[in-house]
Amino acid sequence: MPITGWAEGAAQWGGIWVWTGVVDHFTLSGDEAGWLRNKTGATRLGFAVQLKFLTWRGRFPRMRL
């Protein structure tokens, strides 16, 4: 389920659609979880976030923290 239009969904559905879409999208699949096995700590979290952002937006995040 794409997350585009989440603000409209929040207004229309009282936020239920928003959280369902976010949880569905950002939950790692079995294969994706396997890619994290050789990583530890912050590297593991950063890799997971960038992977899911890439599948969501089709690009890597532009902002560096």
C-alpha atoms as a PDB file:
ATOM      1  CA  MET A   1       0.000   0.000   0.000  1.00  0.00           C
ATOM      2  CA  PRO A   2       1.618   3.290  -1.034  1.00  0.00           C
ATOM      3  CA  ILE A   3       1.774   5.978   1.625  1.00  0.00           C
ATOM      4  CA  THR A   4       1.238   8.865  -0.782  1.00  0.00           C
ATOM      5  CA  GLY A   5      -1.642  11.071   0.214  1.00  0.00           C
ATOM      6  CA  TRP A   6      -1.310  10.236   3.897  1.00  0.00           C
ATOM      7  CA  ALA A   7      -2.517  13.653   5.037  1.00  0.00           C
ATOM      8  CA  GLU A   8      -5.766  13.253   3.131  1.00  0.00           C
ATOM      9  CA  GLY A   9      -6.138   9.742   4.537  1.00  0.00           C
ATOM     10  CA  ALA A  10      -5.606  11.008   8.079  1.00  0.00           C
ATOM     11  CA  ALA A  11      -8.293  13.631   7.684  1.00  0.00           C
ATOM     12  CA  GLN A  12     -10.713  11.202   6.088  1.00  0.00           C
ATOM     13  CA  TRP A  13     -10.135   8.136   8.262  1.00  0.00           C
ATOM     14  CA  GLY A  14      -9.096   9.665  11.565  1.00  0.00           C
ATOM     15  CA  GLY A  15      -5.474   8.527  11.303  1.00  0.00           C
ATOM     16  CA  ILE A  16      -6.172   4.778  11.153  1.00  0.00           C
ATOM     17  CA  TRP A  17      -5.129   4.473   7.517  1.00  0.00           C
ATOM     18  CA  VAL A  18      -1.945   6.410   8.182  1.00  0.00           C
ATOM     19  CA  TRP A  19      -0.624   4.110  10.890  1.00  0.00           C
ATOM     20  CA  THR A  20      -1.702   0.957   9.070  1.00  0.00           C
ATOM     21  CA  GLY A  21       0.103   2.104   5.939  1.00  0.00           C
ATOM     22  CA  VAL A  22       3.237   3.079   7.828  1.00  0.00           C
ATOM     23  CA  VAL A  23       3.419  -0.183   9.765  1.00  0.00           C
ATOM     24  CA  ASP A  24       2.738  -2.266   6.645  1.00  0.00           C
ATOM     25  CA  HIS A  25       5.358  -0.433   4.639  1.00  0.00           C
ATOM     26  CA  PHE A  26       8.151  -0.165   7.198  1.00  0.00           C
ATOM     27  CA  THR A  27       7.959  -3.751   8.492  1.00  0.00           C
ATOM     28  CA  LEU A  28      10.903  -5.763   7.174  1.00  0.00           C
ATOM     29  CA  SER A  29      10.178  -8.889   5.153  1.00  0.00           C
ATOM     30  CA  GLY A  30      12.015 -12.136   5.892  1.00  0.00           C
ATOM     31  CA  ASP A  31      14.518 -11.540   3.086  1.00  0.00           C
ATOM     32  CA  GLU A  32      15.142  -7.968   4.186  1.00  0.00           C
ATOM     33  CA  ALA A  33      15.669  -9.047   7.792  1.00  0.00           C
ATOM     34  CA  GLY A  34      18.243 -11.556   6.527  1.00  0.00           C
ATOM     35  CA  TRP A  35      20.269  -8.718   5.012  1.00  0.00           C
ATOM     36  CA  LEU A  36      20.668  -7.238   8.515  1.00  0.00           C
ATOM     37  CA  ARG A  37      22.183 -10.306  10.172  1.00  0.00           C
ATOM     38  CA  ASN A  38      25.806  -9.290   9.604  1.00  0.00           C
ATOM     39  CA  LYS A  39      25.268  -5.711  10.818  1.00  0.00           C
ATOM     40  CA  THR A  40      25.252  -4.420  14.396  1.00  0.00           C
ATOM     41  CA  GLY A  41      23.976  -1.421  16.352  1.00  0.00           C
ATOM     42  CA  ALA A  42      23.526   1.866  14.534  1.00  0.00           C
ATOM     43  CA  THR A  43      24.702   0.325  11.260  1.00  0.00           C
ATOM     44  CA  ARG A  44      21.816  -2.147  11.398  1.00  0.00           C
ATOM     45  CA  LEU A  45      19.233   0.551  12.117  1.00  0.00           C
ATOM     46  CA  GLY A  46      20.612   2.920   9.474  1.00  0.00           C
ATOM     47  CA  PHE A  47      20.675   0.189   6.843  1.00  0.00           C
ATOM     48  CA  ALA A  48      17.089  -0.828   7.626  1.00  0.00           C
ATOM     49  CA  VAL A  49      15.785   2.753   7.487  1.00  0.00           C
ATOM     50  CA  GLN A  50      17.557   3.503   4.212  1.00  0.00           C
ATOM     51  CA  LEU A  51      16.386   0.226   2.680  1.00  0.00           C
ATOM     52  CA  LYS A  52      12.741   0.906   3.521  1.00  0.00           C
ATOM     53  CA  PHE A  53      13.015   4.554   2.407  1.00  0.00           C
ATOM     54  CA  LEU A  54      14.459   3.365  -0.906  1.00  0.00           C
ATOM     55  CA  THR A  55      11.570   0.975  -1.483  1.00  0.00           C
ATOM     56  CA  TRP A  56       9.067   3.693  -0.491  1.00  0.00           C
ATOM     57  CA  ARG A  57      10.388   6.709  -2.405  1.00  0.00           C
ATOM     58  CA  GLY A  58      12.613   5.043  -5.026  1.00  0.00           C
ATOM     59  CA  ARG A  59      15.663   6.992  -3.882  1.00  0.00           C
ATOM     60  CA  PHE A  60      17.901   7.418  -0.847  1.00  0.00           C
ATOM     61  CA  PRO A  61      17.209  10.223   1.654  1.00  0.00           C
ATOM     62  CA  ARG A  62      18.819  13.507   0.656  1.00  0.00           C
ATOM     63  CA  MET A  63      19.191  15.010   4.115  1.00  0.00           C
ATOM     64  CA  ARG A  64      22.236  14.071   6.161  1.00  0.00           C
ATOM     65  CA  LEU A  65      21.852  14.096   9.919  1.00  0.00           C
END
